[in-house]
Amino acid sequence: MNGIPGYPIVVLAPVAGLLAYWFSQMAIARGLPGRSPYASLSRGFMVGMLVMIGVTALGLGRLESTWSDAAGFGLLNGLTYLALAFGYFNFVNLTVASLRIRLLEEVLEAGGGLSAEELAAAYNADSVAGLRLDRLVRGGHLVERHGRLVIGRRRFMIVARIFDFLHWFIIGCGHPRKHD
C-alpha cells in the first residue's frame, strides 16, 4: 500500500467496510449455528464499520488535506457505508422475514384485524401448498404425467438452488424455511 495515494484508499473505504461486514457476518453465523441471524448481522456490521473507519483514516493520513476536508470525507464514507450495509442487511433479512411480512400484510388488508384462527386457516399447509402448486403447474414448472407431478421447466429449480446456496453461504445454516 506504500505506492497507493490516499484518495483511492479513502474512496474505497466504504466498499472495504462492506466486504468486511459480509465476510465477518458469514464467519460469525457459521461460528454461532442455530442462533438468530440478527446476532451475526449486528456483529458483522460493527466489524465492517471499524474496517471502514480504519481504511478511511489510513487514506486520510496519506492526503495533505485540511481538518474540514478530512471531516467531510469521514462523514461521506460513514454515510456511504451505512447505505451499503443497509442494502446488505435487507438482502439477508428478505429471506428471513418474508413469511412474517406476508402475514402482517394479510392482517392489514383485512382491515387491521384478524383472529388467529382466521389467519391460520388462510395459511394452513394445504391452502399454501395448493396455491403454490397451481402456480407452478400454470407456469409449466411442474407437469402432470400419469397422475403424478414431475418437473417441467428447470429454470425455476435452478433459481431455487441459487437462492438456497446464497442463503446457506450467507446465513450459514440449513434450508431457509427452517428460520420462519
N, C-alpha and C. Protein backbone atom coordinates (compact mmCIF):
# COMPACT_ATOMS: atom_id res chain seq x y z
N MET A 1 0.81 -1.20 0.00
CA MET A 1 0.00 0.00 0.00
C MET A 1 0.85 1.26 0.00
N ASN A 2 2.17 1.11 0.07
CA ASN A 2 3.02 2.29 0.14
C ASN A 2 2.92 3.14 -1.11
N GLY A 3 2.73 2.53 -2.29
CA GLY A 3 2.70 3.29 -3.51
C GLY A 3 1.33 3.85 -3.86
N ILE A 4 0.28 3.47 -3.15
CA ILE A 4 -1.08 3.93 -3.47
C ILE A 4 -1.31 5.27 -2.79
N PRO A 5 -1.70 6.29 -3.58
CA PRO A 5 -2.01 7.58 -2.95
C PRO A 5 -3.27 7.49 -2.08
N GLY A 6 -3.44 8.48 -1.22
CA GLY A 6 -4.52 8.44 -0.23
C GLY A 6 -5.92 8.50 -0.77
N TYR A 7 -6.14 9.26 -1.86
CA TYR A 7 -7.51 9.45 -2.34
C TYR A 7 -8.20 8.15 -2.73
N PRO A 8 -7.57 7.25 -3.53
CA PRO A 8 -8.26 5.98 -3.84
C PRO A 8 -8.56 5.15 -2.60
N ILE A 9 -7.68 5.21 -1.62
CA ILE A 9 -7.92 4.47 -0.38
C ILE A 9 -9.16 5.02 0.33
N VAL A 10 -9.26 6.33 0.41
CA VAL A 10 -10.41 6.96 1.07
C VAL A 10 -11.69 6.60 0.32
N VAL A 11 -11.65 6.66 -1.00
CA VAL A 11 -12.85 6.41 -1.81
C VAL A 11 -13.31 4.96 -1.66
N LEU A 12 -12.38 4.02 -1.56
CA LEU A 12 -12.74 2.61 -1.48
C LEU A 12 -13.01 2.12 -0.05
N ALA A 13 -12.84 2.97 0.93
CA ALA A 13 -13.04 2.57 2.33
C ALA A 13 -14.44 2.02 2.62
N PRO A 14 -15.54 2.62 2.12
CA PRO A 14 -16.85 2.04 2.39
C PRO A 14 -17.02 0.64 1.78
N VAL A 15 -16.43 0.42 0.61
CA VAL A 15 -16.50 -0.90 -0.02
C VAL A 15 -15.71 -1.91 0.80
N ALA A 16 -14.54 -1.50 1.29
CA ALA A 16 -13.75 -2.38 2.17
C ALA A 16 -14.56 -2.72 3.42
N GLY A 17 -15.26 -1.73 3.96
CA GLY A 17 -16.11 -1.97 5.12
C GLY A 17 -17.23 -2.96 4.81
N LEU A 18 -17.85 -2.81 3.64
CA LEU A 18 -18.92 -3.73 3.25
C LEU A 18 -18.38 -5.15 3.10
N LEU A 19 -17.22 -5.29 2.48
CA LEU A 19 -16.63 -6.62 2.33
C LEU A 19 -16.30 -7.23 3.70
N ALA A 20 -15.80 -6.41 4.61
CA ALA A 20 -15.53 -6.90 5.96
C ALA A 20 -16.82 -7.31 6.66
N TYR A 21 -17.89 -6.53 6.47
CA TYR A 21 -19.21 -6.86 7.02
C TYR A 21 -19.64 -8.22 6.51
N TRP A 22 -19.57 -8.39 5.21
CA TRP A 22 -20.02 -9.62 4.56
C TRP A 22 -19.24 -10.83 5.07
N PHE A 23 -17.92 -10.76 5.01
CA PHE A 23 -17.10 -11.91 5.42
C PHE A 23 -17.23 -12.20 6.91
N SER A 24 -17.20 -11.16 7.73
CA SER A 24 -17.29 -11.40 9.18
C SER A 24 -18.67 -11.89 9.57
N GLN A 25 -19.71 -11.38 8.92
CA GLN A 25 -21.06 -11.85 9.23
C GLN A 25 -21.20 -13.33 8.91
N MET A 26 -20.65 -13.75 7.77
CA MET A 26 -20.73 -15.17 7.41
C MET A 26 -19.92 -16.02 8.38
N ALA A 27 -18.74 -15.56 8.76
CA ALA A 27 -17.91 -16.31 9.70
C ALA A 27 -18.59 -16.42 11.06
N ILE A 28 -19.17 -15.33 11.51
CA ILE A 28 -19.87 -15.33 12.80
C ILE A 28 -21.09 -16.25 12.75
N ALA A 29 -21.84 -16.21 11.65
CA ALA A 29 -23.02 -17.06 11.52
C ALA A 29 -22.64 -18.54 11.56
N ARG A 30 -21.51 -18.87 10.95
CA ARG A 30 -21.05 -20.26 10.97
C ARG A 30 -20.49 -20.64 12.35
N GLY A 31 -19.93 -19.67 13.04
CA GLY A 31 -19.38 -19.93 14.37
C GLY A 31 -20.44 -20.02 15.45
N LEU A 32 -21.62 -19.46 15.18
CA LEU A 32 -22.74 -19.49 16.13
C LEU A 32 -23.96 -20.13 15.48
N PRO A 33 -23.87 -21.41 15.08
CA PRO A 33 -25.01 -22.03 14.38
C PRO A 33 -26.24 -22.12 15.27
N GLY A 34 -27.39 -21.99 14.63
CA GLY A 34 -28.65 -22.12 15.35
C GLY A 34 -29.11 -20.84 16.01
N ARG A 35 -28.29 -19.81 16.02
CA ARG A 35 -28.69 -18.54 16.62
C ARG A 35 -29.39 -17.69 15.58
N SER A 36 -30.05 -16.68 16.04
CA SER A 36 -30.72 -15.75 15.15
C SER A 36 -29.71 -15.11 14.20
N PRO A 37 -30.07 -14.93 12.93
CA PRO A 37 -29.15 -14.28 12.00
C PRO A 37 -28.85 -12.83 12.38
N TYR A 38 -29.70 -12.23 13.21
CA TYR A 38 -29.50 -10.84 13.58
C TYR A 38 -28.28 -10.64 14.48
N ALA A 39 -27.89 -11.68 15.21
CA ALA A 39 -26.68 -11.58 16.02
C ALA A 39 -25.45 -11.44 15.13
N SER A 40 -25.37 -12.27 14.09
CA SER A 40 -24.22 -12.17 13.19
C SER A 40 -24.29 -10.91 12.34
N LEU A 41 -25.49 -10.48 11.98
CA LEU A 41 -25.62 -9.25 11.20
C LEU A 41 -25.15 -8.03 11.99
N SER A 42 -25.53 -7.94 13.25
CA SER A 42 -25.13 -6.77 14.04
C SER A 42 -23.63 -6.78 14.33
N ARG A 43 -23.08 -7.95 14.63
CA ARG A 43 -21.64 -8.02 14.90
C ARG A 43 -20.84 -7.78 13.63
N GLY A 44 -21.30 -8.34 12.52
CA GLY A 44 -20.63 -8.10 11.25
C GLY A 44 -20.67 -6.63 10.85
N PHE A 45 -21.79 -5.96 11.15
CA PHE A 45 -21.91 -4.53 10.87
C PHE A 45 -20.83 -3.75 11.61
N MET A 46 -20.64 -4.09 12.88
CA MET A 46 -19.64 -3.37 13.68
C MET A 46 -18.22 -3.62 13.14
N VAL A 47 -17.93 -4.86 12.74
CA VAL A 47 -16.61 -5.15 12.16
C VAL A 47 -16.41 -4.32 10.90
N GLY A 48 -17.44 -4.29 10.04
CA GLY A 48 -17.35 -3.50 8.81
C GLY A 48 -17.16 -2.02 9.09
N MET A 49 -17.86 -1.52 10.09
CA MET A 49 -17.73 -0.10 10.45
C MET A 49 -16.30 0.20 10.90
N LEU A 50 -15.73 -0.67 11.73
CA LEU A 50 -14.36 -0.47 12.20
C LEU A 50 -13.37 -0.51 11.04
N VAL A 51 -13.57 -1.44 10.11
CA VAL A 51 -12.68 -1.51 8.94
C VAL A 51 -12.81 -0.25 8.11
N MET A 52 -14.05 0.20 7.87
CA MET A 52 -14.26 1.42 7.09
C MET A 52 -13.57 2.61 7.75
N ILE A 53 -13.70 2.75 9.06
CA ILE A 53 -13.06 3.85 9.79
C ILE A 53 -11.54 3.74 9.67
N GLY A 54 -11.00 2.54 9.85
CA GLY A 54 -9.55 2.34 9.77
C GLY A 54 -9.00 2.63 8.38
N VAL A 55 -9.67 2.16 7.35
CA VAL A 55 -9.21 2.39 5.97
C VAL A 55 -9.34 3.88 5.63
N THR A 56 -10.42 4.50 6.07
CA THR A 56 -10.58 5.95 5.84
C THR A 56 -9.44 6.71 6.52
N ALA A 57 -9.14 6.36 7.76
CA ALA A 57 -8.06 7.03 8.49
C ALA A 57 -6.72 6.81 7.80
N LEU A 58 -6.47 5.60 7.29
CA LEU A 58 -5.24 5.31 6.56
C LEU A 58 -5.13 6.20 5.33
N GLY A 59 -6.20 6.28 4.56
CA GLY A 59 -6.20 7.11 3.36
C GLY A 59 -6.05 8.59 3.67
N LEU A 60 -6.75 9.03 4.71
CA LEU A 60 -6.65 10.45 5.10
C LEU A 60 -5.25 10.79 5.59
N GLY A 61 -4.56 9.82 6.21
CA GLY A 61 -3.19 10.04 6.66
C GLY A 61 -2.24 10.27 5.49
N ARG A 62 -2.59 9.76 4.32
CA ARG A 62 -1.75 9.93 3.13
C ARG A 62 -2.09 11.21 2.36
N LEU A 63 -3.22 11.80 2.65
CA LEU A 63 -3.63 13.04 1.97
C LEU A 63 -3.10 14.24 2.73
N GLU A 64 -2.80 15.26 2.00
CA GLU A 64 -2.46 16.53 2.64
C GLU A 64 -3.71 17.39 2.57
N SER A 65 -4.61 17.17 3.52
CA SER A 65 -5.88 17.87 3.49
C SER A 65 -6.11 18.60 4.82
N THR A 66 -7.05 19.52 4.76
CA THR A 66 -7.41 20.26 5.97
C THR A 66 -8.30 19.39 6.85
N TRP A 67 -8.49 19.83 8.08
CA TRP A 67 -9.37 19.11 9.00
C TRP A 67 -10.80 19.08 8.47
N SER A 68 -11.24 20.16 7.85
CA SER A 68 -12.61 20.19 7.32
C SER A 68 -12.77 19.20 6.17
N ASP A 69 -11.74 19.08 5.30
CA ASP A 69 -11.80 18.07 4.24
C ASP A 69 -11.83 16.66 4.83
N ALA A 70 -11.00 16.43 5.82
CA ALA A 70 -10.96 15.11 6.47
C ALA A 70 -12.30 14.79 7.12
N ALA A 71 -12.91 15.77 7.77
CA ALA A 71 -14.22 15.55 8.40
C ALA A 71 -15.27 15.26 7.33
N GLY A 72 -15.20 15.98 6.22
CA GLY A 72 -16.15 15.75 5.12
C GLY A 72 -16.01 14.37 4.53
N PHE A 73 -14.75 13.93 4.27
CA PHE A 73 -14.52 12.59 3.76
C PHE A 73 -15.00 11.54 4.76
N GLY A 74 -14.73 11.77 6.03
CA GLY A 74 -15.16 10.82 7.06
C GLY A 74 -16.67 10.70 7.12
N LEU A 75 -17.35 11.85 7.07
CA LEU A 75 -18.81 11.83 7.10
C LEU A 75 -19.38 11.16 5.85
N LEU A 76 -18.83 11.49 4.70
CA LEU A 76 -19.29 10.88 3.45
C LEU A 76 -19.08 9.37 3.47
N ASN A 77 -17.91 8.92 3.92
CA ASN A 77 -17.65 7.49 3.99
C ASN A 77 -18.57 6.80 5.00
N GLY A 78 -18.82 7.45 6.12
CA GLY A 78 -19.73 6.87 7.11
C GLY A 78 -21.13 6.70 6.54
N LEU A 79 -21.63 7.71 5.87
CA LEU A 79 -22.97 7.62 5.28
C LEU A 79 -23.02 6.60 4.14
N THR A 80 -21.96 6.55 3.35
CA THR A 80 -21.90 5.57 2.25
C THR A 80 -21.89 4.16 2.81
N TYR A 81 -21.09 3.93 3.86
CA TYR A 81 -21.06 2.60 4.47
C TYR A 81 -22.43 2.24 5.04
N LEU A 82 -23.08 3.17 5.70
CA LEU A 82 -24.41 2.90 6.25
C LEU A 82 -25.39 2.50 5.14
N ALA A 83 -25.33 3.18 4.00
CA ALA A 83 -26.22 2.85 2.88
C ALA A 83 -25.91 1.45 2.33
N LEU A 84 -24.63 1.13 2.15
CA LEU A 84 -24.26 -0.20 1.66
C LEU A 84 -24.64 -1.28 2.66
N ALA A 85 -24.41 -1.03 3.94
CA ALA A 85 -24.74 -2.01 4.98
C ALA A 85 -26.25 -2.21 5.08
N PHE A 86 -27.00 -1.13 4.91
CA PHE A 86 -28.46 -1.24 4.93
C PHE A 86 -28.95 -2.13 3.79
N GLY A 87 -28.37 -1.97 2.61
CA GLY A 87 -28.74 -2.82 1.48
C GLY A 87 -28.41 -4.27 1.75
N TYR A 88 -27.24 -4.55 2.30
CA TYR A 88 -26.85 -5.92 2.61
C TYR A 88 -27.77 -6.52 3.67
N PHE A 89 -28.05 -5.75 4.72
CA PHE A 89 -28.95 -6.22 5.77
C PHE A 89 -30.30 -6.60 5.18
N ASN A 90 -30.84 -5.76 4.32
CA ASN A 90 -32.15 -6.04 3.74
C ASN A 90 -32.13 -7.23 2.80
N PHE A 91 -31.02 -7.44 2.12
CA PHE A 91 -30.87 -8.62 1.27
C PHE A 91 -30.97 -9.89 2.12
N VAL A 92 -30.25 -9.91 3.22
CA VAL A 92 -30.28 -11.08 4.11
C VAL A 92 -31.63 -11.20 4.79
N ASN A 93 -32.15 -10.11 5.28
CA ASN A 93 -33.41 -10.12 6.02
C ASN A 93 -34.60 -10.53 5.16
N LEU A 94 -34.52 -10.31 3.87
CA LEU A 94 -35.61 -10.67 2.97
C LEU A 94 -35.94 -12.16 3.07
N THR A 95 -34.91 -12.99 3.12
CA THR A 95 -35.16 -14.43 3.20
C THR A 95 -35.64 -14.85 4.58
N VAL A 96 -35.26 -14.10 5.59
CA VAL A 96 -35.61 -14.48 6.96
C VAL A 96 -37.04 -14.06 7.31
N ALA A 97 -37.46 -12.90 6.84
CA ALA A 97 -38.71 -12.32 7.32
C ALA A 97 -39.85 -12.34 6.31
N SER A 98 -39.69 -12.97 5.16
CA SER A 98 -40.70 -12.84 4.11
C SER A 98 -42.08 -13.37 4.54
N LEU A 99 -42.15 -14.51 5.20
CA LEU A 99 -43.45 -15.04 5.60
C LEU A 99 -44.08 -14.16 6.68
N ARG A 100 -43.30 -13.71 7.63
CA ARG A 100 -43.84 -12.84 8.67
C ARG A 100 -44.40 -11.54 8.09
N ILE A 101 -43.71 -10.99 7.11
CA ILE A 101 -44.19 -9.77 6.46
C ILE A 101 -45.50 -10.04 5.74
N ARG A 102 -45.59 -11.16 5.06
CA ARG A 102 -46.82 -11.51 4.34
C ARG A 102 -48.00 -11.67 5.31
N LEU A 103 -47.76 -12.26 6.46
CA LEU A 103 -48.83 -12.41 7.46
C LEU A 103 -49.31 -11.05 7.96
N LEU A 104 -48.37 -10.14 8.19
CA LEU A 104 -48.76 -8.79 8.62
C LEU A 104 -49.55 -8.06 7.53
N GLU A 105 -49.17 -8.26 6.27
CA GLU A 105 -49.92 -7.66 5.17
C GLU A 105 -51.34 -8.20 5.10
N GLU A 106 -51.51 -9.49 5.37
CA GLU A 106 -52.85 -10.09 5.38
C GLU A 106 -53.74 -9.42 6.43
N VAL A 107 -53.18 -9.19 7.61
CA VAL A 107 -53.94 -8.53 8.67
C VAL A 107 -54.32 -7.11 8.25
N LEU A 108 -53.37 -6.41 7.66
CA LEU A 108 -53.63 -5.04 7.21
C LEU A 108 -54.70 -5.00 6.12
N GLU A 109 -54.61 -5.92 5.16
CA GLU A 109 -55.58 -5.97 4.06
C GLU A 109 -56.98 -6.35 4.55
N ALA A 110 -57.06 -7.02 5.67
CA ALA A 110 -58.36 -7.42 6.22
C ALA A 110 -58.95 -6.31 7.09
N GLY A 111 -58.40 -5.12 7.00
CA GLY A 111 -58.94 -4.01 7.77
C GLY A 111 -58.26 -3.80 9.10
N GLY A 112 -57.14 -4.46 9.33
CA GLY A 112 -56.38 -4.23 10.54
C GLY A 112 -56.62 -5.24 11.64
N GLY A 113 -57.46 -6.23 11.39
CA GLY A 113 -57.69 -7.23 12.43
C GLY A 113 -58.18 -8.55 11.89
N LEU A 114 -57.55 -9.62 12.33
CA LEU A 114 -57.97 -10.99 12.02
C LEU A 114 -57.75 -11.82 13.28
N SER A 115 -58.60 -12.78 13.47
CA SER A 115 -58.36 -13.68 14.60
C SER A 115 -57.22 -14.63 14.23
N ALA A 116 -56.59 -15.20 15.23
CA ALA A 116 -55.51 -16.14 14.99
C ALA A 116 -56.00 -17.34 14.19
N GLU A 117 -57.26 -17.74 14.43
CA GLU A 117 -57.82 -18.88 13.71
C GLU A 117 -58.01 -18.55 12.22
N GLU A 118 -58.49 -17.32 11.93
CA GLU A 118 -58.67 -16.91 10.53
C GLU A 118 -57.33 -16.86 9.80
N LEU A 119 -56.34 -16.34 10.48
CA LEU A 119 -55.02 -16.23 9.86
C LEU A 119 -54.42 -17.62 9.65
N ALA A 120 -54.55 -18.49 10.62
CA ALA A 120 -54.03 -19.85 10.49
C ALA A 120 -54.75 -20.61 9.38
N ALA A 121 -56.07 -20.38 9.25
CA ALA A 121 -56.83 -21.06 8.19
C ALA A 121 -56.38 -20.59 6.82
N ALA A 122 -56.08 -19.30 6.70
CA ALA A 122 -55.63 -18.76 5.41
C ALA A 122 -54.24 -19.28 5.04
N TYR A 123 -53.46 -19.65 6.04
CA TYR A 123 -52.09 -20.10 5.78
C TYR A 123 -51.83 -21.51 6.27
N ASN A 124 -52.86 -22.35 6.24
CA ASN A 124 -52.59 -23.74 6.61
C ASN A 124 -51.80 -24.39 5.49
N ALA A 125 -51.17 -25.48 5.78
CA ALA A 125 -50.26 -26.12 4.84
C ALA A 125 -50.97 -26.51 3.53
N ASP A 126 -52.23 -26.94 3.63
CA ASP A 126 -52.95 -27.36 2.43
C ASP A 126 -53.20 -26.20 1.48
N SER A 127 -53.68 -25.07 2.03
CA SER A 127 -54.01 -23.95 1.15
C SER A 127 -52.75 -23.32 0.55
N VAL A 128 -51.69 -23.18 1.34
CA VAL A 128 -50.46 -22.60 0.84
C VAL A 128 -49.85 -23.51 -0.23
N ALA A 129 -49.79 -24.80 0.07
CA ALA A 129 -49.23 -25.74 -0.91
C ALA A 129 -50.08 -25.78 -2.17
N GLY A 130 -51.40 -25.73 -2.00
CA GLY A 130 -52.29 -25.75 -3.16
C GLY A 130 -52.08 -24.54 -4.06
N LEU A 131 -51.97 -23.37 -3.47
CA LEU A 131 -51.73 -22.15 -4.26
C LEU A 131 -50.39 -22.23 -4.99
N ARG A 132 -49.38 -22.68 -4.31
CA ARG A 132 -48.06 -22.77 -4.93
C ARG A 132 -48.03 -23.82 -6.04
N LEU A 133 -48.67 -24.97 -5.80
CA LEU A 133 -48.72 -26.00 -6.83
C LEU A 133 -49.46 -25.50 -8.07
N ASP A 134 -50.60 -24.83 -7.88
CA ASP A 134 -51.34 -24.28 -9.02
C ASP A 134 -50.46 -23.32 -9.82
N ARG A 135 -49.75 -22.47 -9.16
CA ARG A 135 -48.88 -21.50 -9.84
C ARG A 135 -47.76 -22.21 -10.59
N LEU A 136 -47.17 -23.25 -10.01
CA LEU A 136 -46.11 -23.99 -10.67
C LEU A 136 -46.62 -24.75 -11.90
N VAL A 137 -47.82 -25.29 -11.81
CA VAL A 137 -48.41 -26.00 -12.95
C VAL A 137 -48.75 -25.02 -14.06
N ARG A 138 -49.39 -23.89 -13.70
CA ARG A 138 -49.73 -22.88 -14.71
C ARG A 138 -48.48 -22.34 -15.42
N GLY A 139 -47.38 -22.22 -14.71
CA GLY A 139 -46.15 -21.72 -15.30
C GLY A 139 -45.35 -22.77 -16.05
N GLY A 140 -45.79 -24.02 -16.00
CA GLY A 140 -45.09 -25.08 -16.71
C GLY A 140 -43.88 -25.62 -15.97
N HIS A 141 -43.69 -25.20 -14.73
CA HIS A 141 -42.56 -25.68 -13.95
C HIS A 141 -42.81 -27.09 -13.43
N LEU A 142 -44.09 -27.42 -13.23
CA LEU A 142 -44.50 -28.78 -12.91
C LEU A 142 -45.48 -29.23 -14.00
N VAL A 143 -45.38 -30.51 -14.38
CA VAL A 143 -46.25 -31.07 -15.41
C VAL A 143 -46.85 -32.35 -14.85
N GLU A 144 -48.14 -32.56 -15.12
CA GLU A 144 -48.79 -33.79 -14.64
C GLU A 144 -48.62 -34.88 -15.68
N ARG A 145 -48.06 -36.02 -15.25
CA ARG A 145 -47.89 -37.19 -16.11
C ARG A 145 -48.33 -38.42 -15.35
N HIS A 146 -49.31 -39.09 -15.91
CA HIS A 146 -49.81 -40.33 -15.31
C HIS A 146 -50.23 -40.13 -13.85
N GLY A 147 -50.88 -39.00 -13.58
CA GLY A 147 -51.38 -38.71 -12.24
C GLY A 147 -50.33 -38.25 -11.25
N ARG A 148 -49.13 -37.97 -11.72
CA ARG A 148 -48.05 -37.51 -10.84
C ARG A 148 -47.50 -36.20 -11.38
N LEU A 149 -47.08 -35.34 -10.47
CA LEU A 149 -46.44 -34.09 -10.87
C LEU A 149 -44.94 -34.31 -11.00
N VAL A 150 -44.40 -33.92 -12.14
CA VAL A 150 -42.96 -34.05 -12.39
C VAL A 150 -42.43 -32.69 -12.81
N ILE A 151 -41.14 -32.53 -12.71
CA ILE A 151 -40.53 -31.26 -13.06
C ILE A 151 -40.65 -31.03 -14.57
N GLY A 152 -41.15 -29.84 -14.91
CA GLY A 152 -41.26 -29.44 -16.30
C GLY A 152 -40.07 -28.58 -16.66
N ARG A 153 -40.28 -27.29 -16.63
CA ARG A 153 -39.17 -26.35 -16.89
C ARG A 153 -38.22 -26.36 -15.71
N ARG A 154 -36.95 -26.41 -15.99
CA ARG A 154 -35.94 -26.47 -14.93
C ARG A 154 -35.44 -25.09 -14.50
N ARG A 155 -35.81 -24.04 -15.22
CA ARG A 155 -35.32 -22.71 -14.89
C ARG A 155 -35.63 -22.34 -13.44
N PHE A 156 -36.84 -22.63 -12.99
CA PHE A 156 -37.24 -22.26 -11.64
C PHE A 156 -36.43 -23.04 -10.61
N MET A 157 -36.14 -24.30 -10.90
CA MET A 157 -35.35 -25.12 -9.98
C MET A 157 -33.92 -24.56 -9.88
N ILE A 158 -33.39 -24.10 -11.00
CA ILE A 158 -32.03 -23.53 -10.98
C ILE A 158 -32.03 -22.28 -10.10
N VAL A 159 -33.02 -21.42 -10.28
CA VAL A 159 -33.12 -20.21 -9.47
C VAL A 159 -33.29 -20.58 -7.99
N ALA A 160 -34.12 -21.58 -7.71
CA ALA A 160 -34.33 -22.01 -6.33
C ALA A 160 -33.02 -22.52 -5.71
N ARG A 161 -32.25 -23.27 -6.46
CA ARG A 161 -30.98 -23.78 -5.94
C ARG A 161 -29.98 -22.64 -5.71
N ILE A 162 -30.00 -21.64 -6.59
CA ILE A 162 -29.11 -20.49 -6.41
C ILE A 162 -29.47 -19.78 -5.11
N PHE A 163 -30.76 -19.58 -4.86
CA PHE A 163 -31.16 -18.91 -3.63
C PHE A 163 -30.90 -19.78 -2.40
N ASP A 164 -31.07 -21.09 -2.51
CA ASP A 164 -30.71 -21.97 -1.40
C ASP A 164 -29.22 -21.85 -1.09
N PHE A 165 -28.39 -21.84 -2.14
CA PHE A 165 -26.95 -21.71 -1.94
C PHE A 165 -26.60 -20.36 -1.31
N LEU A 166 -27.19 -19.28 -1.82
CA LEU A 166 -26.91 -17.96 -1.25
C LEU A 166 -27.31 -17.89 0.22
N HIS A 167 -28.46 -18.47 0.55
CA HIS A 167 -28.90 -18.48 1.95
C HIS A 167 -27.91 -19.25 2.81
N TRP A 168 -27.51 -20.43 2.35
CA TRP A 168 -26.54 -21.22 3.11
C TRP A 168 -25.21 -20.48 3.21
N PHE A 169 -24.76 -19.87 2.12
CA PHE A 169 -23.48 -19.18 2.08
C PHE A 169 -23.45 -17.99 3.03
N ILE A 170 -24.54 -17.22 3.07
CA ILE A 170 -24.56 -16.00 3.87
C ILE A 170 -24.95 -16.28 5.32
N ILE A 171 -26.03 -17.03 5.52
CA ILE A 171 -26.52 -17.29 6.87
C ILE A 171 -25.76 -18.43 7.53
N GLY A 172 -25.36 -19.41 6.74
CA GLY A 172 -24.54 -20.48 7.27
C GLY A 172 -25.30 -21.61 7.92
N CYS A 173 -26.57 -21.76 7.65
CA CYS A 173 -27.31 -22.89 8.22
C CYS A 173 -28.17 -23.50 7.14
N GLY A 174 -29.02 -24.39 7.53
CA GLY A 174 -29.80 -25.19 6.59
C GLY A 174 -30.75 -24.41 5.71
N HIS A 175 -31.77 -25.07 5.29
CA HIS A 175 -32.74 -24.51 4.35
C HIS A 175 -33.43 -23.29 4.94
N PRO A 176 -33.73 -22.27 4.11
CA PRO A 176 -34.35 -21.04 4.61
C PRO A 176 -35.64 -21.25 5.38
N ARG A 177 -36.43 -22.25 5.03
CA ARG A 177 -37.72 -22.43 5.70
C ARG A 177 -37.58 -22.84 7.16
N LYS A 178 -36.41 -23.26 7.56
CA LYS A 178 -36.20 -23.64 8.98
C LYS A 178 -36.19 -22.42 9.88
N HIS A 179 -36.08 -21.21 9.30
CA HIS A 179 -35.99 -19.99 10.12
C HIS A 179 -37.33 -19.30 10.30
N ASP A 180 -38.30 -19.54 9.45
CA ASP A 180 -39.59 -18.84 9.55
C ASP A 180 -40.48 -19.46 10.58
